[in-house]
C-alpha atoms as a PDB file:
ATOM      1  CA  UNK A   1      28.712  42.062  29.353  1.00  0.00           C
ATOM      2  CA  UNK A   2      26.282  43.045  26.610  1.00  0.00           C
ATOM      3  CA  UNK A   3      27.890  40.580  24.164  1.00  0.00           C
ATOM      4  CA  UNK A   4      27.577  37.848  26.784  1.00  0.00           C
ATOM      5  CA  UNK A   5      23.846  38.521  27.154  1.00  0.00           C
ATOM      6  CA  UNK A   6      23.425  38.552  23.365  1.00  0.00           C
ATOM      7  CA  UNK A   7      25.279  35.257  22.976  1.00  0.00           C
ATOM      8  CA  UNK A   8      23.203  33.718  25.774  1.00  0.00           C
ATOM      9  CA  UNK A   9      19.997  34.956  24.122  1.00  0.00           C
ATOM     10  CA  UNK A  10      20.995  33.538  20.742  1.00  0.00           C
ATOM     11  CA  UNK A  11      21.889  30.214  22.352  1.00  0.00           C
ATOM     12  CA  UNK A  12      18.551  30.029  24.171  1.00  0.00           C
ATOM     13  CA  UNK A  13      16.689  30.930  20.971  1.00  0.00           C
ATOM     14  CA  UNK A  14      18.590  28.251  19.043  1.00  0.00           C
ATOM     15  CA  UNK A  15      17.817  25.672  21.722  1.00  0.00           C
ATOM     16  CA  UNK A  16      14.146  26.645  21.699  1.00  0.00           C
ATOM     17  CA  UNK A  17      13.970  26.407  17.909  1.00  0.00           C
ATOM     18  CA  UNK A  18      15.731  23.053  18.028  1.00  0.00           C
ATOM     19  CA  UNK A  19      13.227  21.777  20.589  1.00  0.00           C
ATOM     20  CA  UNK A  20      10.329  22.995  18.434  1.00  0.00           C
ATOM     21  CA  UNK A  21      11.781  21.225  15.388  1.00  0.00           C
ATOM     22  CA  UNK A  22      12.214  17.995  17.384  1.00  0.00           C
ATOM     23  CA  UNK A  23       8.623  18.201  18.647  1.00  0.00           C
ATOM     24  CA  UNK A  24       7.452  18.836  15.093  1.00  0.00           C
ATOM     25  CA  UNK A  25       9.416  15.832  13.815  1.00  0.00           C
ATOM     26  CA  UNK A  26       8.036  13.632  16.612  1.00  0.00           C
ATOM     27  CA  UNK A  27       4.497  14.721  15.749  1.00  0.00           C
ATOM     28  CA  UNK A  28       5.071  14.033  12.060  1.00  0.00           C
ATOM     29  CA  UNK A  29       6.540  10.594  12.771  1.00  0.00           C
ATOM     30  CA  UNK A  30       3.589   9.775  15.037  1.00  0.00           C
ATOM     31  CA  UNK A  31       1.229  10.688  12.184  1.00  0.00           C
ATOM     32  CA  UNK A  32       3.202   8.456   9.824  1.00  0.00           C
ATOM     33  CA  UNK A  33       3.233   5.408  12.131  1.00  0.00           C
ATOM     34  CA  UNK A  34      -0.368   4.233  11.467  1.00  0.00           C
ATOM     35  CA  UNK A  35       0.099   5.017   7.753  1.00  0.00           C
ATOM     36  CA  UNK A  36       3.150   2.733   7.599  1.00  0.00           C
ATOM     37  CA  UNK A  37       1.389  -0.020   9.546  1.00  0.00           C
ATOM     38  CA  UNK A  38      -1.669   0.060   7.273  1.00  0.00           C
ATOM     39  CA  UNK A  39       0.512   0.153   4.164  1.00  0.00           C
ATOM     40  CA  UNK A  40       2.360  -2.958   5.294  1.00  0.00           C
ATOM     41  CA  UNK A  41      -0.965  -4.744   5.920  1.00  0.00           C
ATOM     42  CA  UNK A  42      -2.141  -3.929   2.396  1.00  0.00           C
ATOM     43  CA  UNK A  43       1.174  -5.173   0.999  1.00  0.00           C
ATOM     44  CA  UNK A  44       1.107  -8.422   2.993  1.00  0.00           C
ATOM     45  CA  UNK A  45      -2.397  -9.300   1.810  1.00  0.00           C
ATOM     46  CA  UNK A  46      -1.706  -8.611  -1.861  1.00  0.00           C
ATOM     47  CA  UNK A  47       1.809 -10.063  -1.970  1.00  0.00           C
ATOM     48  CA  UNK A  48       0.773 -13.246  -0.158  1.00  0.00           C
ATOM     49  CA  UNK A  49      -1.967 -13.728  -2.743  1.00  0.00           C
ATOM     50  CA  UNK A  50       0.403 -13.175  -5.665  1.00  0.00           C
ATOM     51  CA  UNK A  51       2.981 -15.609  -4.271  1.00  0.00           C
ATOM     52  CA  UNK A  52       0.365 -18.259  -3.495  1.00  0.00           C
ATOM     53  CA  UNK A  53      -1.224 -17.874  -6.941  1.00  0.00           C
ATOM     54  CA  UNK A  54       2.103 -18.576  -8.682  1.00  0.00           C
ATOM     55  CA  UNK A  55       2.488 -21.680  -6.509  1.00  0.00           C
ATOM     56  CA  UNK A  56      -1.123 -22.846  -6.891  1.00  0.00           C
ATOM     57  CA  UNK A  57      -1.841 -22.535 -10.611  1.00  0.00           C
ATOM     58  CA  UNK A  58       0.729 -25.064 -11.948  1.00  0.00           C
ATOM     59  CA  UNK A  59      -0.453 -27.576  -9.333  1.00  0.00           C
ATOM     60  CA  UNK A  60      -4.181 -27.260 -10.029  1.00  0.00           C
ATOM     61  CA  UNK A  61      -5.944 -28.900 -12.963  1.00  0.00           C
ATOM     62  CA  UNK A  62      -9.158 -27.140 -13.886  1.00  0.00           C
ATOM     63  CA  UNK A  63      -8.305 -23.472 -14.214  1.00  0.00           C
ATOM     64  CA  UNK A  64     -11.717 -22.783 -15.733  1.00  0.00           C
ATOM     65  CA  UNK A  65     -13.311 -23.419 -12.316  1.00  0.00           C
ATOM     66  CA  UNK A  66     -11.153 -20.877 -10.481  1.00  0.00           C
ATOM     67  CA  UNK A  67     -13.098 -17.711  -9.623  1.00  0.00           C
ATOM     68  CA  UNK A  68     -10.414 -15.979  -7.584  1.00  0.00           C
ATOM     69  CA  UNK A  69      -8.573 -15.869  -4.275  1.00  0.00           C
ATOM     70  CA  UNK A  70      -8.827 -14.036  -0.990  1.00  0.00           C
ATOM     71  CA  UNK A  71      -6.041 -13.480   1.561  1.00  0.00           C
ATOM     72  CA  UNK A  72      -6.170 -12.603   5.244  1.00  0.00           C
ATOM     73  CA  UNK A  73      -4.028 -12.892   8.418  1.00  0.00           C
ATOM     74  CA  UNK A  74      -4.050 -16.300  10.086  1.00  0.00           C
ATOM     75  CA  UNK A  75      -1.809 -16.782  13.110  1.00  0.00           C
ATOM     76  CA  UNK A  76       1.718 -15.633  12.306  1.00  0.00           C
ATOM     77  CA  UNK A  77       1.191 -15.753   8.552  1.00  0.00           C
ATOM     78  CA  UNK A  78      -1.318 -15.168   5.789  1.00  0.00           C
ATOM     79  CA  UNK A  79      -3.896 -17.645   4.509  1.00  0.00           C
ATOM     80  CA  UNK A  80      -4.755 -17.467   0.816  1.00  0.00           C
ATOM     81  CA  UNK A  81      -7.949 -19.286  -0.180  1.00  0.00           C
ATOM     82  CA  UNK A  82      -8.747 -20.148  -3.800  1.00  0.00           C
ATOM     83  CA  UNK A  83     -12.421 -20.569  -4.578  1.00  0.00           C
ATOM     84  CA  UNK A  84     -14.953 -21.287  -7.295  1.00  0.00           C
ATOM     85  CA  UNK A  85     -18.508 -20.064  -7.703  1.00  0.00           C
ATOM     86  CA  UNK A  86     -19.646 -23.351  -9.254  1.00  0.00           C
ATOM     87  CA  UNK A  87     -19.568 -25.883  -6.409  1.00  0.00           C
ATOM     88  CA  UNK A  88     -21.505 -26.403  -3.191  1.00  0.00           C
ATOM     89  CA  UNK A  89     -18.169 -26.463  -1.369  1.00  0.00           C
ATOM     90  CA  UNK A  90     -16.510 -23.543  -3.149  1.00  0.00           C
ATOM     91  CA  UNK A  91     -13.019 -23.704  -1.612  1.00  0.00           C
ATOM     92  CA  UNK A  92     -10.613 -25.424  -3.985  1.00  0.00           C
ATOM     93  CA  UNK A  93      -7.531 -25.088  -1.784  1.00  0.00           C
ATOM     94  CA  UNK A  94      -5.901 -22.792   0.724  1.00  0.00           C
ATOM     95  CA  UNK A  95      -2.240 -21.913   1.108  1.00  0.00           C
ATOM     96  CA  UNK A  96      -0.397 -20.710   4.206  1.00  0.00           C
ATOM     97  CA  UNK A  97       2.253 -18.052   3.530  1.00  0.00           C
ATOM     98  CA  UNK A  98       4.558 -17.241   6.449  1.00  0.00           C
ATOM     99  CA  UNK A  99       6.185 -13.899   7.257  1.00  0.00           C
ATOM    100  CA  UNK A 100       9.227 -14.557   5.061  1.00  0.00           C
ATOM    101  CA  UNK A 101       6.942 -14.991   2.024  1.00  0.00           C
ATOM    102  CA  UNK A 102       9.387 -17.469   0.493  1.00  0.00           C
ATOM    103  CA  UNK A 103       8.092 -20.046  -1.986  1.00  0.00           C
ATOM    104  CA  UNK A 104       9.814 -22.917  -0.191  1.00  0.00           C
ATOM    105  CA  UNK A 105       7.786 -22.331   2.979  1.00  0.00           C
ATOM    106  CA  UNK A 106       4.315 -22.478   1.387  1.00  0.00           C
ATOM    107  CA  UNK A 107       1.948 -25.127   2.728  1.00  0.00           C
ATOM    108  CA  UNK A 108      -1.148 -26.123   0.758  1.00  0.00           C
ATOM    109  CA  UNK A 109      -4.406 -27.712   1.904  1.00  0.00           C
ATOM    110  CA  UNK A 110      -6.403 -29.273  -0.904  1.00  0.00           C
ATOM    111  CA  UNK A 111      -9.648 -30.204   0.863  1.00  0.00           C
ATOM    112  CA  UNK A 112     -12.844 -28.901  -0.685  1.00  0.00           C
ATOM    113  CA  UNK A 113     -14.895 -27.098   1.961  1.00  0.00           C
ATOM    114  CA  UNK A 114     -17.329 -24.267   2.602  1.00  0.00           C
ATOM    115  CA  UNK A 115     -16.060 -20.714   2.890  1.00  0.00           C
ATOM    116  CA  UNK A 116     -15.221 -19.494   6.371  1.00  0.00           C
ATOM    117  CA  UNK A 117     -17.193 -16.397   7.450  1.00  0.00           C
ATOM    118  CA  UNK A 118     -14.110 -14.155   7.126  1.00  0.00           C
ATOM    119  CA  UNK A 119     -13.446 -15.478   3.623  1.00  0.00           C
ATOM    120  CA  UNK A 120     -17.036 -14.930   2.507  1.00  0.00           C
ATOM    121  CA  UNK A 121     -17.060 -11.385   3.943  1.00  0.00           C
ATOM    122  CA  UNK A 122     -13.865 -10.393   2.144  1.00  0.00           C
ATOM    123  CA  UNK A 123     -15.059 -11.892  -1.145  1.00  0.00           C
ATOM    124  CA  UNK A 124     -18.363 -10.026  -0.889  1.00  0.00           C
ATOM    125  CA  UNK A 125     -16.567  -6.780  -0.006  1.00  0.00           C
ATOM    126  CA  UNK A 126     -14.374  -7.104  -3.076  1.00  0.00           C
ATOM    127  CA  UNK A 127     -17.405  -7.802  -5.308  1.00  0.00           C
ATOM    128  CA  UNK A 128     -19.146  -4.758  -3.870  1.00  0.00           C
ATOM    129  CA  UNK A 129     -16.101  -2.584  -4.568  1.00  0.00           C
ATOM    130  CA  UNK A 130     -15.858  -3.797  -8.164  1.00  0.00           C
ATOM    131  CA  UNK A 131     -19.539  -2.942  -8.678  1.00  0.00           C
ATOM    132  CA  UNK A 132     -19.075   0.550  -7.194  1.00  0.00           C
ATOM    133  CA  UNK A 133     -16.228   1.224  -9.637  1.00  0.00           C
ATOM    134  CA  UNK A 134     -18.157  -0.129 -12.610  1.00  0.00           C
ATOM    135  CA  UNK A 135     -21.236   1.969 -11.799  1.00  0.00           C
ATOM    136  CA  UNK A 136     -19.480   5.312 -11.238  1.00  0.00           C
ATOM    137  CA  UNK A 137     -17.464   7.664 -13.417  1.00  0.00           C
ATOM    138  CA  UNK A 138     -15.607   8.796 -10.276  1.00  0.00           C
ATOM    139  CA  UNK A 139     -13.105   5.962 -10.764  1.00  0.00           C
ATOM    140  CA  UNK A 140     -11.151   6.776 -13.944  1.00  0.00           C
ATOM    141  CA  UNK A 141      -8.935   4.062 -15.333  1.00  0.00           C
ATOM    142  CA  UNK A 142      -6.154   5.388 -17.612  1.00  0.00           C
ATOM    143  CA  UNK A 143      -5.393   3.433 -20.769  1.00  0.00           C
ATOM    144  CA  UNK A 144      -2.945   0.583 -20.237  1.00  0.00           C
ATOM    145  CA  UNK A 145      -3.744   0.198 -16.529  1.00  0.00           C
ATOM    146  CA  UNK A 146      -6.023  -1.907 -14.337  1.00  0.00           C
ATOM    147  CA  UNK A 147      -7.431  -1.720 -10.848  1.00  0.00           C
ATOM    148  CA  UNK A 148      -6.221  -3.961  -8.029  1.00  0.00           C
ATOM    149  CA  UNK A 149      -8.841  -4.542  -5.315  1.00  0.00           C
ATOM    150  CA  UNK A 150      -7.455  -5.387  -1.873  1.00  0.00           C
ATOM    151  CA  UNK A 151     -10.070  -6.096   0.847  1.00  0.00           C
ATOM    152  CA  UNK A 152      -9.147  -5.880   4.544  1.00  0.00           C
ATOM    153  CA  UNK A 153     -11.329  -7.054   7.440  1.00  0.00           C
ATOM    154  CA  UNK A 154     -12.155  -4.356   9.972  1.00  0.00           C
ATOM    155  CA  UNK A 155     -13.776  -4.528  13.391  1.00  0.00           C
ATOM    156  CA  UNK A 156     -17.051  -2.858  12.404  1.00  0.00           C
ATOM    157  CA  UNK A 157     -16.594  -2.296   8.663  1.00  0.00           C
ATOM    158  CA  UNK A 158     -14.626  -3.865   5.835  1.00  0.00           C
ATOM    159  CA  UNK A 159     -12.252  -1.769   3.760  1.00  0.00           C
ATOM    160  CA  UNK A 160     -11.274  -2.230   0.148  1.00  0.00           C
ATOM    161  CA  UNK A 161      -8.195  -0.426  -1.129  1.00  0.00           C
ATOM    162  CA  UNK A 162      -8.028   0.154  -4.873  1.00  0.00           C
ATOM    163  CA  UNK A 163      -4.645   0.569  -6.533  1.00  0.00           C
ATOM    164  CA  UNK A 164      -3.878   1.327 -10.169  1.00  0.00           C
ATOM    165  CA  UNK A 165      -1.120  -0.662 -11.853  1.00  0.00           C
ATOM    166  CA  UNK A 166       0.189  -0.914 -15.429  1.00  0.00           C
ATOM    167  CA  UNK A 167      -0.900  -3.934 -17.441  1.00  0.00           C
ATOM    168  CA  UNK A 168       2.401  -4.592 -19.197  1.00  0.00           C
ATOM    169  CA  UNK A 169       4.740  -1.571 -18.955  1.00  0.00           C
ATOM    170  CA  UNK A 170       7.783  -1.497 -16.686  1.00  0.00           C
ATOM    171  CA  UNK A 171       6.497   1.334 -14.538  1.00  0.00           C
ATOM    172  CA  UNK A 172       5.574   1.947 -10.927  1.00  0.00           C
ATOM    173  CA  UNK A 173       2.283   3.807 -10.600  1.00  0.00           C
ATOM    174  CA  UNK A 174       1.522   6.010  -7.613  1.00  0.00           C
ATOM    175  CA  UNK A 175      -1.898   7.565  -7.239  1.00  0.00           C
ATOM    176  CA  UNK A 176      -5.325   7.156  -8.825  1.00  0.00           C
ATOM    177  CA  UNK A 177      -6.084   5.109  -5.705  1.00  0.00           C
ATOM    178  CA  UNK A 178      -9.103   4.873  -3.455  1.00  0.00           C
ATOM    179  CA  UNK A 179     -10.396   3.434  -0.205  1.00  0.00           C
ATOM    180  CA  UNK A 180     -13.980   2.215   0.181  1.00  0.00           C
ATOM    181  CA  UNK A 181     -15.715   1.220   3.413  1.00  0.00           C
ATOM    182  CA  UNK A 182     -18.623  -1.218   3.589  1.00  0.00           C
ATOM    183  CA  UNK A 183     -20.949  -2.016   6.485  1.00  0.00           C
ATOM    184  CA  UNK A 184     -21.923  -5.549   7.519  1.00  0.00           C
ATOM    185  CA  UNK A 185     -24.542  -5.684   4.740  1.00  0.00           C
ATOM    186  CA  UNK A 186     -21.945  -4.519   2.185  1.00  0.00           C
ATOM    187  CA  UNK A 187     -23.555  -1.143   1.721  1.00  0.00           C
ATOM    188  CA  UNK A 188     -21.056   1.558   0.821  1.00  0.00           C
ATOM    189  CA  UNK A 189     -20.503   3.771   3.874  1.00  0.00           C
ATOM    190  CA  UNK A 190     -17.474   5.828   2.769  1.00  0.00           C
ATOM    191  CA  UNK A 191     -15.622   6.588  -0.449  1.00  0.00           C
ATOM    192  CA  UNK A 192     -12.221   8.275  -0.259  1.00  0.00           C
ATOM    193  CA  UNK A 193     -10.009   9.192  -3.224  1.00  0.00           C
ATOM    194  CA  UNK A 194      -6.493   9.027  -1.766  1.00  0.00           C
ATOM    195  CA  UNK A 195      -4.686  10.726  -4.668  1.00  0.00           C
ATOM    196  CA  UNK A 196      -6.515  12.563  -7.418  1.00  0.00           C
ATOM    197  CA  UNK A 197      -3.505  12.416  -9.718  1.00  0.00           C
ATOM    198  CA  UNK A 198      -1.270   9.625 -10.987  1.00  0.00           C
ATOM    199  CA  UNK A 199       2.527   9.478 -11.293  1.00  0.00           C
ATOM    200  CA  UNK A 200       4.328   6.829 -13.351  1.00  0.00           C
ATOM    201  CA  UNK A 201       8.010   6.063 -12.805  1.00  0.00           C
ATOM    202  CA  UNK A 202       9.666   3.870 -15.458  1.00  0.00           C
ATOM    203  CA  UNK A 203      12.325   1.308 -14.580  1.00  0.00           C
ATOM    204  CA  UNK A 204      14.503  -1.197 -16.400  1.00  0.00           C
ATOM    205  CA  UNK A 205      14.073  -4.675 -14.854  1.00  0.00           C
ATOM    206  CA  UNK A 206      17.629  -5.563 -15.927  1.00  0.00           C
ATOM    207  CA  UNK A 207      19.310  -2.387 -14.667  1.00  0.00           C
ATOM    208  CA  UNK A 208      19.608  -3.347 -10.985  1.00  0.00           C
ATOM    209  CA  UNK A 209      20.619  -0.500  -8.677  1.00  0.00           C
ATOM    210  CA  UNK A 210      20.860   1.887 -11.634  1.00  0.00           C
ATOM    211  CA  UNK A 211      17.096   2.285 -11.271  1.00  0.00           C
ATOM    212  CA  UNK A 212      17.768   4.320  -8.107  1.00  0.00           C
ATOM    213  CA  UNK A 213      18.454   7.358 -10.283  1.00  0.00           C
ATOM    214  CA  UNK A 214      14.702   7.654 -10.968  1.00  0.00           C
ATOM    215  CA  UNK A 215      13.588   6.639  -7.501  1.00  0.00           C
ATOM    216  CA  UNK A 216      11.691   9.764  -6.469  1.00  0.00           C
ATOM    217  CA  UNK A 217       8.614  11.697  -7.449  1.00  0.00           C
ATOM    218  CA  UNK A 218       6.881  14.968  -6.620  1.00  0.00           C
ATOM    219  CA  UNK A 219       3.392  15.007  -5.121  1.00  0.00           C
ATOM    220  CA  UNK A 220       1.172  17.795  -6.406  1.00  0.00           C
ATOM    221  CA  UNK A 221      -0.512  19.924  -3.691  1.00  0.00           C
ATOM    222  CA  UNK A 222      -3.920  18.392  -4.493  1.00  0.00           C
ATOM    223  CA  UNK A 223      -2.526  14.997  -3.453  1.00  0.00           C
ATOM    224  CA  UNK A 224      -1.982  16.224   0.097  1.00  0.00           C
ATOM    225  CA  UNK A 225       1.117  16.774   2.194  1.00  0.00           C
ATOM    226  CA  UNK A 226       1.586  13.266   3.632  1.00  0.00           C
ATOM    227  CA  UNK A 227       2.286   9.916   2.060  1.00  0.00           C
ATOM    228  CA  UNK A 228      -0.565   7.402   2.221  1.00  0.00           C
ATOM    229  CA  UNK A 229      -0.796   3.738   3.137  1.00  0.00           C
ATOM    230  CA  UNK A 230      -1.227   2.908  -0.546  1.00  0.00           C
ATOM    231  CA  UNK A 231       2.080   4.677  -1.322  1.00  0.00           C
ATOM    232  CA  UNK A 232       3.795   2.315   1.116  1.00  0.00           C
ATOM    233  CA  UNK A 233       2.024  -0.725  -0.341  1.00  0.00           C
ATOM    234  CA  UNK A 234       3.060   0.238  -3.891  1.00  0.00           C
ATOM    235  CA  UNK A 235       6.689   0.671  -2.802  1.00  0.00           C
ATOM    236  CA  UNK A 236       6.786  -2.762  -1.209  1.00  0.00           C
ATOM    237  CA  UNK A 237       4.909  -4.552  -3.996  1.00  0.00           C
ATOM    238  CA  UNK A 238       7.387  -3.291  -6.601  1.00  0.00           C
ATOM    239  CA  UNK A 239      10.642  -3.734  -4.686  1.00  0.00           C
ATOM    240  CA  UNK A 240      11.681  -7.021  -6.287  1.00  0.00           C
ATOM    241  CA  UNK A 241      11.175  -5.630  -9.808  1.00  0.00           C
ATOM    242  CA  UNK A 242      12.695  -2.171  -9.471  1.00  0.00           C
ATOM    243  CA  UNK A 243      15.656  -3.096  -7.226  1.00  0.00           C
ATOM    244  CA  UNK A 244      15.295   0.325  -5.605  1.00  0.00           C
ATOM    245  CA  UNK A 245      17.166   0.720  -2.323  1.00  0.00           C
ATOM    246  CA  UNK A 246      15.256   3.883  -1.462  1.00  0.00           C
ATOM    247  CA  UNK A 247      12.531   6.209  -2.680  1.00  0.00           C
ATOM    248  CA  UNK A 248      11.673   9.811  -1.909  1.00  0.00           C
ATOM    249  CA  UNK A 249       8.322  11.581  -1.999  1.00  0.00           C
ATOM    250  CA  UNK A 250       8.456  15.353  -2.332  1.00  0.00           C
ATOM    251  CA  UNK A 251       5.322  17.175  -1.219  1.00  0.00           C
ATOM    252  CA  UNK A 252       4.701  20.886  -0.878  1.00  0.00           C
ATOM    253  CA  UNK A 253       5.980  21.054   2.700  1.00  0.00           C
ATOM    254  CA  UNK A 254       7.846  17.808   3.328  1.00  0.00           C
ATOM    255  CA  UNK A 255      10.351  15.359   1.900  1.00  0.00           C
ATOM    256  CA  UNK A 256       9.845  11.697   2.800  1.00  0.00           C
ATOM    257  CA  UNK A 257      12.700   9.183   2.430  1.00  0.00           C
ATOM    258  CA  UNK A 258      11.822   5.488   2.371  1.00  0.00           C
ATOM    259  CA  UNK A 259      14.672   3.041   3.067  1.00  0.00           C
ATOM    260  CA  UNK A 260      13.997  -0.502   1.899  1.00  0.00           C
ATOM    261  CA  UNK A 261      16.700  -2.097   4.044  1.00  0.00           C
ATOM    262  CA  UNK A 262      15.414  -0.666   7.318  1.00  0.00           C
ATOM    263  CA  UNK A 263      11.761  -0.591   6.262  1.00  0.00           C
ATOM    264  CA  UNK A 264      11.502   2.879   7.759  1.00  0.00           C
ATOM    265  CA  UNK A 265      10.520   6.299   6.489  1.00  0.00           C
ATOM    266  CA  UNK A 266      12.148   9.571   7.515  1.00  0.00           C
ATOM    267  CA  UNK A 267      10.259  12.839   7.114  1.00  0.00           C
ATOM    268  CA  UNK A 268      11.880  16.266   6.838  1.00  0.00           C
ATOM    269  CA  UNK A 269      10.026  19.571   6.802  1.00  0.00           C
ATOM    270  CA  UNK A 270      11.114  21.820   3.955  1.00  0.00           C
ATOM    271  CA  UNK A 271      10.734  24.927   6.119  1.00  0.00           C
ATOM    272  CA  UNK A 272       9.214  28.268   5.282  1.00  0.00           C
ATOM    273  CA  UNK A 273       9.990  29.569   1.786  1.00  0.00           C
ATOM    274  CA  UNK A 274      12.552  32.311   1.608  1.00  0.00           C
ATOM    275  CA  UNK A 275      11.268  35.730   0.579  1.00  0.00           C
ATOM    276  CA  UNK A 276      13.299  38.117  -1.550  1.00  0.00           C
ATOM    277  CA  UNK A 277      14.378  41.357   0.106  1.00  0.00           C
END
């Protein structure tokens, strides 16, 4: 009888622990959901711009007039607008990029026109972010890298995400990234360093799936316990070059597995460290 009670107690304890683990996993996944969604938004804006730029430049005569481009959601796709600072009607052209982001689906509009309010706001937010970085030593730029400024339109404030990427090396850079918030007058309202460190993972562009052997990195405790939206954006922006099928982030308390095929991330708690008896 005693053994029966003990077995029942162990079973109930195991079930309770299992339920606690499941609740913990559900909570962790719920915390990751907005991070994944924001990371995909950052990726879509930047990747749409890169794809449209490759399509636009060979078709446009007068590269010296081009000041830059800005991308933002428009219907079911992304609109990328190329502009100049020289003309009364600064828009040189705009390109629609659909969800598939395939070159064959791009549609260009070549009419010169004034900037739309959303376009002007995003351009001004990016300019403000560049100035903040130039005027402050709080934004270190390691040798051989450059900043990528990615503005997103918010309801009350505009956000600019700042990524660090290598200029010419075959590496994927995680970290040394920031998020700035600007009010309607483009005054800086918040400055957040997302990772205070930087990790570089080399890859061979001709190695294909062999690059998977290096597809993981360890996050130092100062970088926090959770992946960030910029981590997701960096993964997606580099997929076509690295040919990774997966990537893992190892933090102090968790392991995160990103699967490119499913576009999902699984998080596993490492558990309490074992103590020596």
